[in-house]
Amino acid sequence: MNTILQDEKNASEVLCLVRESRVDEESKYWESNKNCVKVMKYDMLDGGTSVENALEYIFSDNNNHEECCIFHVASVFNPCKEHEQMALDNVKGAEDLIAAVAKFPRDKTRVILTSSMAGE
């Protein structure tokens, strides 16, 4: 699952939130493409903590970000015996994302939420 946070006024800086197991791979990819992408760990079942950490980074006094757009671009999808639990986890992850974003100024954050195309 990738969640991308981008400062709308400073489009050159992008945060890419990925599963912990993919942080190194994604970091190497973005470094090799010479893009200004900061990769951070994301866990969709951590109650929104990793999203809040990323938003705190964006809106911290050390950064000059005025607005943020979050692209939540995928859900977990794979054939498994626990397909109902997988769907419930995806819903919980999306709900936690929205709850985390709601803790920050609404006029400064936007969310684009999509589901996995694998299920369609």
N, C-alpha and C. Protein backbone atom coordinates (compact mmCIF):
# COMPACT_ATOMS: atom_id res chain seq x y z
N MET A 1 0.84 -1.16 0.00
CA MET A 1 0.00 0.00 0.00
C MET A 1 0.89 1.23 0.00
N ASN A 2 0.67 2.11 -0.89
CA ASN A 2 1.40 3.37 -0.93
C ASN A 2 0.47 4.51 -0.58
N THR A 3 0.96 5.38 0.23
CA THR A 3 0.27 6.62 0.52
C THR A 3 1.27 7.71 0.25
N ILE A 4 0.92 8.67 -0.57
CA ILE A 4 1.85 9.72 -0.95
C ILE A 4 1.31 11.04 -0.44
N LEU A 5 2.14 11.76 0.29
CA LEU A 5 1.78 13.07 0.79
C LEU A 5 2.60 14.08 0.03
N GLN A 6 1.96 15.07 -0.52
CA GLN A 6 2.67 16.07 -1.31
C GLN A 6 2.24 17.46 -0.91
N ASP A 7 3.23 18.31 -0.68
CA ASP A 7 2.96 19.72 -0.40
C ASP A 7 2.58 20.37 -1.72
N GLU A 8 1.37 20.91 -1.80
CA GLU A 8 0.88 21.46 -3.07
C GLU A 8 1.64 22.69 -3.54
N LYS A 9 2.17 23.47 -2.61
CA LYS A 9 2.90 24.68 -3.00
C LYS A 9 4.36 24.38 -3.29
N ASN A 10 4.86 23.26 -2.80
CA ASN A 10 6.25 22.87 -3.00
C ASN A 10 6.24 21.47 -3.60
N ALA A 11 5.77 21.36 -4.82
CA ALA A 11 5.56 20.07 -5.46
C ALA A 11 6.85 19.29 -5.65
N SER A 12 7.99 19.90 -5.39
CA SER A 12 9.24 19.19 -5.57
C SER A 12 9.51 18.23 -4.40
N GLU A 13 8.78 18.35 -3.29
CA GLU A 13 8.98 17.44 -2.17
C GLU A 13 7.76 16.54 -2.01
N VAL A 14 8.02 15.25 -1.99
CA VAL A 14 6.97 14.26 -1.88
C VAL A 14 7.38 13.26 -0.81
N LEU A 15 6.43 12.88 0.04
CA LEU A 15 6.64 11.80 0.98
C LEU A 15 5.94 10.57 0.43
N CYS A 16 6.62 9.47 0.43
CA CYS A 16 6.04 8.22 -0.04
C CYS A 16 6.02 7.27 1.15
N LEU A 17 4.83 6.91 1.62
CA LEU A 17 4.69 6.02 2.75
C LEU A 17 4.42 4.62 2.25
N VAL A 18 5.26 3.68 2.66
CA VAL A 18 5.16 2.30 2.19
C VAL A 18 5.32 1.33 3.36
N ARG A 19 4.93 0.08 3.12
CA ARG A 19 5.13 -0.95 4.14
C ARG A 19 6.60 -0.98 4.55
N GLU A 20 6.85 -1.30 5.81
CA GLU A 20 8.22 -1.33 6.32
C GLU A 20 9.13 -2.21 5.48
N SER A 21 8.61 -3.32 4.99
CA SER A 21 9.41 -4.25 4.18
C SER A 21 9.82 -3.65 2.83
N ARG A 22 9.19 -2.55 2.42
CA ARG A 22 9.50 -1.95 1.12
C ARG A 22 10.27 -0.63 1.22
N VAL A 23 10.56 -0.16 2.43
CA VAL A 23 11.21 1.14 2.60
C VAL A 23 12.55 1.19 1.88
N ASP A 24 13.41 0.18 2.07
CA ASP A 24 14.73 0.19 1.42
C ASP A 24 14.61 0.17 -0.10
N GLU A 25 13.75 -0.70 -0.62
CA GLU A 25 13.56 -0.81 -2.07
C GLU A 25 13.06 0.51 -2.66
N GLU A 26 12.05 1.10 -2.03
CA GLU A 26 11.51 2.37 -2.53
C GLU A 26 12.54 3.49 -2.43
N SER A 27 13.28 3.52 -1.33
CA SER A 27 14.31 4.55 -1.16
C SER A 27 15.34 4.47 -2.26
N LYS A 28 15.80 3.26 -2.56
CA LYS A 28 16.78 3.08 -3.63
C LYS A 28 16.21 3.50 -4.98
N TYR A 29 14.96 3.15 -5.22
CA TYR A 29 14.33 3.52 -6.48
C TYR A 29 14.30 5.04 -6.64
N TRP A 30 13.82 5.75 -5.63
CA TRP A 30 13.70 7.19 -5.74
C TRP A 30 15.06 7.88 -5.77
N GLU A 31 16.04 7.34 -5.07
CA GLU A 31 17.39 7.92 -5.13
C GLU A 31 17.96 7.80 -6.54
N SER A 32 17.74 6.66 -7.18
CA SER A 32 18.28 6.43 -8.51
C SER A 32 17.60 7.29 -9.57
N ASN A 33 16.41 7.77 -9.30
CA ASN A 33 15.68 8.60 -10.26
C ASN A 33 15.86 10.09 -10.00
N LYS A 34 16.70 10.43 -9.03
CA LYS A 34 17.05 11.82 -8.73
C LYS A 34 15.82 12.69 -8.44
N ASN A 35 14.82 12.09 -7.83
CA ASN A 35 13.63 12.84 -7.45
C ASN A 35 13.72 13.23 -5.98
N CYS A 36 13.00 14.25 -5.60
CA CYS A 36 12.96 14.70 -4.20
C CYS A 36 11.83 13.98 -3.49
N VAL A 37 12.05 12.70 -3.21
CA VAL A 37 11.05 11.88 -2.55
C VAL A 37 11.64 11.34 -1.26
N LYS A 38 10.93 11.57 -0.16
CA LYS A 38 11.32 11.02 1.13
C LYS A 38 10.42 9.83 1.40
N VAL A 39 11.02 8.67 1.60
CA VAL A 39 10.27 7.44 1.86
C VAL A 39 10.18 7.24 3.37
N MET A 40 8.97 6.98 3.83
CA MET A 40 8.72 6.74 5.25
C MET A 40 7.91 5.47 5.43
N LYS A 41 8.08 4.83 6.58
CA LYS A 41 7.35 3.61 6.92
C LYS A 41 5.87 3.93 7.12
N TYR A 42 5.01 3.04 6.61
CA TYR A 42 3.57 3.17 6.76
C TYR A 42 2.98 1.83 7.17
N ASP A 43 2.13 1.84 8.16
CA ASP A 43 1.42 0.65 8.58
C ASP A 43 -0.06 1.01 8.65
N MET A 44 -0.85 0.45 7.77
CA MET A 44 -2.25 0.84 7.69
C MET A 44 -3.04 0.42 8.92
N LEU A 45 -2.47 -0.45 9.76
CA LEU A 45 -3.20 -0.92 10.93
C LEU A 45 -2.60 -0.38 12.24
N ASP A 46 -1.90 0.73 12.17
CA ASP A 46 -1.30 1.29 13.39
C ASP A 46 -2.17 2.38 14.01
N GLY A 47 -3.42 2.44 13.61
CA GLY A 47 -4.34 3.43 14.17
C GLY A 47 -4.11 4.83 13.66
N GLY A 48 -3.39 4.97 12.57
CA GLY A 48 -3.13 6.28 11.96
C GLY A 48 -1.82 6.93 12.41
N THR A 49 -1.06 6.24 13.25
CA THR A 49 0.17 6.81 13.79
C THR A 49 1.18 7.18 12.71
N SER A 50 1.40 6.29 11.74
CA SER A 50 2.40 6.59 10.71
C SER A 50 1.96 7.76 9.82
N VAL A 51 0.68 7.90 9.58
CA VAL A 51 0.17 9.04 8.81
C VAL A 51 0.34 10.32 9.63
N GLU A 52 0.01 10.26 10.91
CA GLU A 52 0.19 11.43 11.77
C GLU A 52 1.66 11.85 11.83
N ASN A 53 2.58 10.87 11.92
CA ASN A 53 4.01 11.20 11.93
C ASN A 53 4.42 11.93 10.65
N ALA A 54 3.91 11.47 9.52
CA ALA A 54 4.24 12.11 8.25
C ALA A 54 3.66 13.52 8.19
N LEU A 55 2.43 13.69 8.65
CA LEU A 55 1.81 15.02 8.65
C LEU A 55 2.53 15.96 9.62
N GLU A 56 2.96 15.44 10.76
CA GLU A 56 3.73 16.26 11.69
C GLU A 56 5.04 16.71 11.06
N TYR A 57 5.66 15.81 10.29
CA TYR A 57 6.89 16.18 9.57
C TYR A 57 6.59 17.31 8.58
N ILE A 58 5.52 17.17 7.83
CA ILE A 58 5.18 18.17 6.82
C ILE A 58 4.90 19.53 7.45
N PHE A 59 4.12 19.53 8.51
CA PHE A 59 3.71 20.80 9.11
C PHE A 59 4.60 21.25 10.26
N SER A 60 5.76 20.60 10.45
CA SER A 60 6.65 21.00 11.54
C SER A 60 7.27 22.36 11.24
N ASP A 61 7.79 22.98 12.30
CA ASP A 61 8.42 24.30 12.15
C ASP A 61 9.66 24.25 11.26
N ASN A 62 10.26 23.07 11.10
CA ASN A 62 11.46 22.93 10.27
C ASN A 62 11.15 22.96 8.78
N ASN A 63 9.91 22.76 8.43
CA ASN A 63 9.52 22.75 7.02
C ASN A 63 8.64 23.97 6.75
N ASN A 64 8.58 24.34 5.52
CA ASN A 64 7.82 25.53 5.15
C ASN A 64 6.61 25.13 4.30
N HIS A 65 5.88 24.12 4.76
CA HIS A 65 4.75 23.62 4.01
C HIS A 65 3.47 24.31 4.44
N GLU A 66 2.71 24.73 3.48
CA GLU A 66 1.45 25.40 3.78
C GLU A 66 0.25 24.49 3.55
N GLU A 67 0.37 23.58 2.59
CA GLU A 67 -0.73 22.69 2.26
C GLU A 67 -0.19 21.31 1.95
N CYS A 68 -1.07 20.33 1.99
CA CYS A 68 -0.66 18.95 1.74
C CYS A 68 -1.79 18.22 1.02
N CYS A 69 -1.42 17.41 0.06
CA CYS A 69 -2.38 16.55 -0.62
C CYS A 69 -1.95 15.11 -0.41
N ILE A 70 -2.86 14.28 0.05
CA ILE A 70 -2.57 12.88 0.32
C ILE A 70 -3.23 12.04 -0.76
N PHE A 71 -2.42 11.24 -1.45
CA PHE A 71 -2.92 10.29 -2.44
C PHE A 71 -2.82 8.91 -1.81
N HIS A 72 -3.92 8.36 -1.42
CA HIS A 72 -3.95 7.01 -0.84
C HIS A 72 -4.33 6.11 -2.01
N VAL A 73 -3.34 5.43 -2.59
CA VAL A 73 -3.52 4.88 -3.92
C VAL A 73 -3.73 3.37 -4.01
N ALA A 74 -3.78 2.68 -2.88
CA ALA A 74 -3.99 1.24 -3.00
C ALA A 74 -4.45 0.66 -1.68
N SER A 75 -5.05 -0.49 -1.78
CA SER A 75 -5.39 -1.31 -0.63
C SER A 75 -4.75 -2.67 -0.83
N VAL A 76 -4.64 -3.40 0.26
CA VAL A 76 -4.07 -4.75 0.16
C VAL A 76 -5.07 -5.62 -0.59
N PHE A 77 -4.58 -6.34 -1.56
CA PHE A 77 -5.45 -7.25 -2.29
C PHE A 77 -4.64 -8.45 -2.73
N ASN A 78 -5.04 -9.61 -2.27
CA ASN A 78 -4.47 -10.85 -2.75
C ASN A 78 -5.41 -12.00 -2.39
N PRO A 79 -5.45 -13.02 -3.21
CA PRO A 79 -6.31 -14.16 -2.89
C PRO A 79 -5.85 -14.80 -1.58
N CYS A 80 -6.77 -15.00 -0.65
CA CYS A 80 -6.42 -15.63 0.61
C CYS A 80 -7.68 -16.19 1.26
N LYS A 81 -7.47 -17.03 2.26
CA LYS A 81 -8.61 -17.62 2.97
C LYS A 81 -9.30 -16.58 3.85
N GLU A 82 -8.56 -15.60 4.31
CA GLU A 82 -9.11 -14.58 5.22
C GLU A 82 -9.53 -13.33 4.44
N HIS A 83 -10.23 -13.51 3.34
CA HIS A 83 -10.58 -12.38 2.49
C HIS A 83 -11.50 -11.38 3.20
N GLU A 84 -12.35 -11.85 4.09
CA GLU A 84 -13.20 -10.91 4.82
C GLU A 84 -12.36 -10.03 5.76
N GLN A 85 -11.38 -10.64 6.45
CA GLN A 85 -10.52 -9.87 7.33
C GLN A 85 -9.69 -8.87 6.53
N MET A 86 -9.22 -9.30 5.36
CA MET A 86 -8.44 -8.40 4.50
C MET A 86 -9.29 -7.17 4.13
N ALA A 87 -10.54 -7.39 3.78
CA ALA A 87 -11.42 -6.27 3.43
C ALA A 87 -11.66 -5.37 4.65
N LEU A 88 -11.87 -5.97 5.81
CA LEU A 88 -12.06 -5.17 7.04
C LEU A 88 -10.81 -4.36 7.36
N ASP A 89 -9.64 -4.96 7.18
CA ASP A 89 -8.37 -4.23 7.41
C ASP A 89 -8.24 -3.05 6.47
N ASN A 90 -8.63 -3.23 5.21
CA ASN A 90 -8.56 -2.13 4.24
C ASN A 90 -9.49 -0.99 4.64
N VAL A 91 -10.68 -1.33 5.10
CA VAL A 91 -11.61 -0.29 5.55
C VAL A 91 -11.06 0.42 6.78
N LYS A 92 -10.54 -0.35 7.74
CA LYS A 92 -9.98 0.25 8.95
C LYS A 92 -8.81 1.17 8.60
N GLY A 93 -7.95 0.74 7.69
CA GLY A 93 -6.83 1.58 7.28
C GLY A 93 -7.29 2.90 6.68
N ALA A 94 -8.32 2.85 5.86
CA ALA A 94 -8.86 4.08 5.26
C ALA A 94 -9.50 4.96 6.32
N GLU A 95 -10.25 4.36 7.24
CA GLU A 95 -10.87 5.14 8.31
C GLU A 95 -9.81 5.81 9.20
N ASP A 96 -8.76 5.06 9.52
CA ASP A 96 -7.69 5.62 10.36
C ASP A 96 -6.96 6.75 9.64
N LEU A 97 -6.79 6.63 8.33
CA LEU A 97 -6.18 7.69 7.55
C LEU A 97 -7.00 8.98 7.67
N ILE A 98 -8.30 8.86 7.47
CA ILE A 98 -9.17 10.03 7.54
C ILE A 98 -9.19 10.61 8.96
N ALA A 99 -9.21 9.76 9.97
CA ALA A 99 -9.20 10.23 11.36
C ALA A 99 -7.89 10.97 11.67
N ALA A 100 -6.77 10.46 11.15
CA ALA A 100 -5.48 11.12 11.37
C ALA A 100 -5.45 12.48 10.68
N VAL A 101 -5.92 12.53 9.45
CA VAL A 101 -5.94 13.79 8.70
C VAL A 101 -6.84 14.82 9.39
N ALA A 102 -7.92 14.35 9.99
CA ALA A 102 -8.87 15.26 10.65
C ALA A 102 -8.26 15.99 11.84
N LYS A 103 -7.13 15.52 12.34
CA LYS A 103 -6.45 16.16 13.47
C LYS A 103 -5.64 17.38 13.02
N PHE A 104 -5.52 17.56 11.74
CA PHE A 104 -4.74 18.66 11.17
C PHE A 104 -5.68 19.66 10.51
N PRO A 105 -5.22 20.88 10.26
CA PRO A 105 -6.11 21.90 9.68
C PRO A 105 -6.77 21.43 8.38
N ARG A 106 -8.08 21.45 8.36
CA ARG A 106 -8.83 20.97 7.20
C ARG A 106 -8.60 21.82 5.97
N ASP A 107 -8.32 23.09 6.16
CA ASP A 107 -8.10 23.95 5.01
C ASP A 107 -6.70 23.78 4.43
N LYS A 108 -5.87 22.93 5.06
CA LYS A 108 -4.50 22.74 4.58
C LYS A 108 -4.23 21.32 4.10
N THR A 109 -5.20 20.43 4.21
CA THR A 109 -4.99 19.05 3.79
C THR A 109 -6.12 18.59 2.87
N ARG A 110 -5.73 17.83 1.86
CA ARG A 110 -6.69 17.22 0.94
C ARG A 110 -6.38 15.74 0.87
N VAL A 111 -7.40 14.93 0.63
CA VAL A 111 -7.21 13.48 0.53
C VAL A 111 -7.85 12.99 -0.75
N ILE A 112 -7.10 12.21 -1.49
CA ILE A 112 -7.63 11.49 -2.65
C ILE A 112 -7.49 10.02 -2.29
N LEU A 113 -8.60 9.33 -2.12
CA LEU A 113 -8.62 7.95 -1.66
C LEU A 113 -9.12 7.06 -2.78
N THR A 114 -8.31 6.08 -3.16
CA THR A 114 -8.71 5.13 -4.19
C THR A 114 -8.58 3.73 -3.62
N SER A 115 -9.15 2.77 -4.29
CA SER A 115 -9.00 1.38 -3.86
C SER A 115 -8.04 0.68 -4.80
N SER A 116 -7.74 -0.55 -4.48
CA SER A 116 -6.84 -1.32 -5.33
C SER A 116 -7.55 -1.68 -6.64
N MET A 117 -6.89 -1.45 -7.73
CA MET A 117 -7.46 -1.82 -9.03
C MET A 117 -7.44 -3.33 -9.22
N ALA A 118 -6.66 -4.04 -8.41
CA ALA A 118 -6.58 -5.50 -8.54
C ALA A 118 -7.92 -6.16 -8.28
N GLY A 119 -8.76 -5.52 -7.47
CA GLY A 119 -10.07 -6.10 -7.14
C GLY A 119 -11.14 -5.82 -8.16
N GLU A 120 -10.84 -5.03 -9.15
CA GLU A 120 -11.87 -4.66 -10.12
C GLU A 120 -11.84 -5.50 -11.36
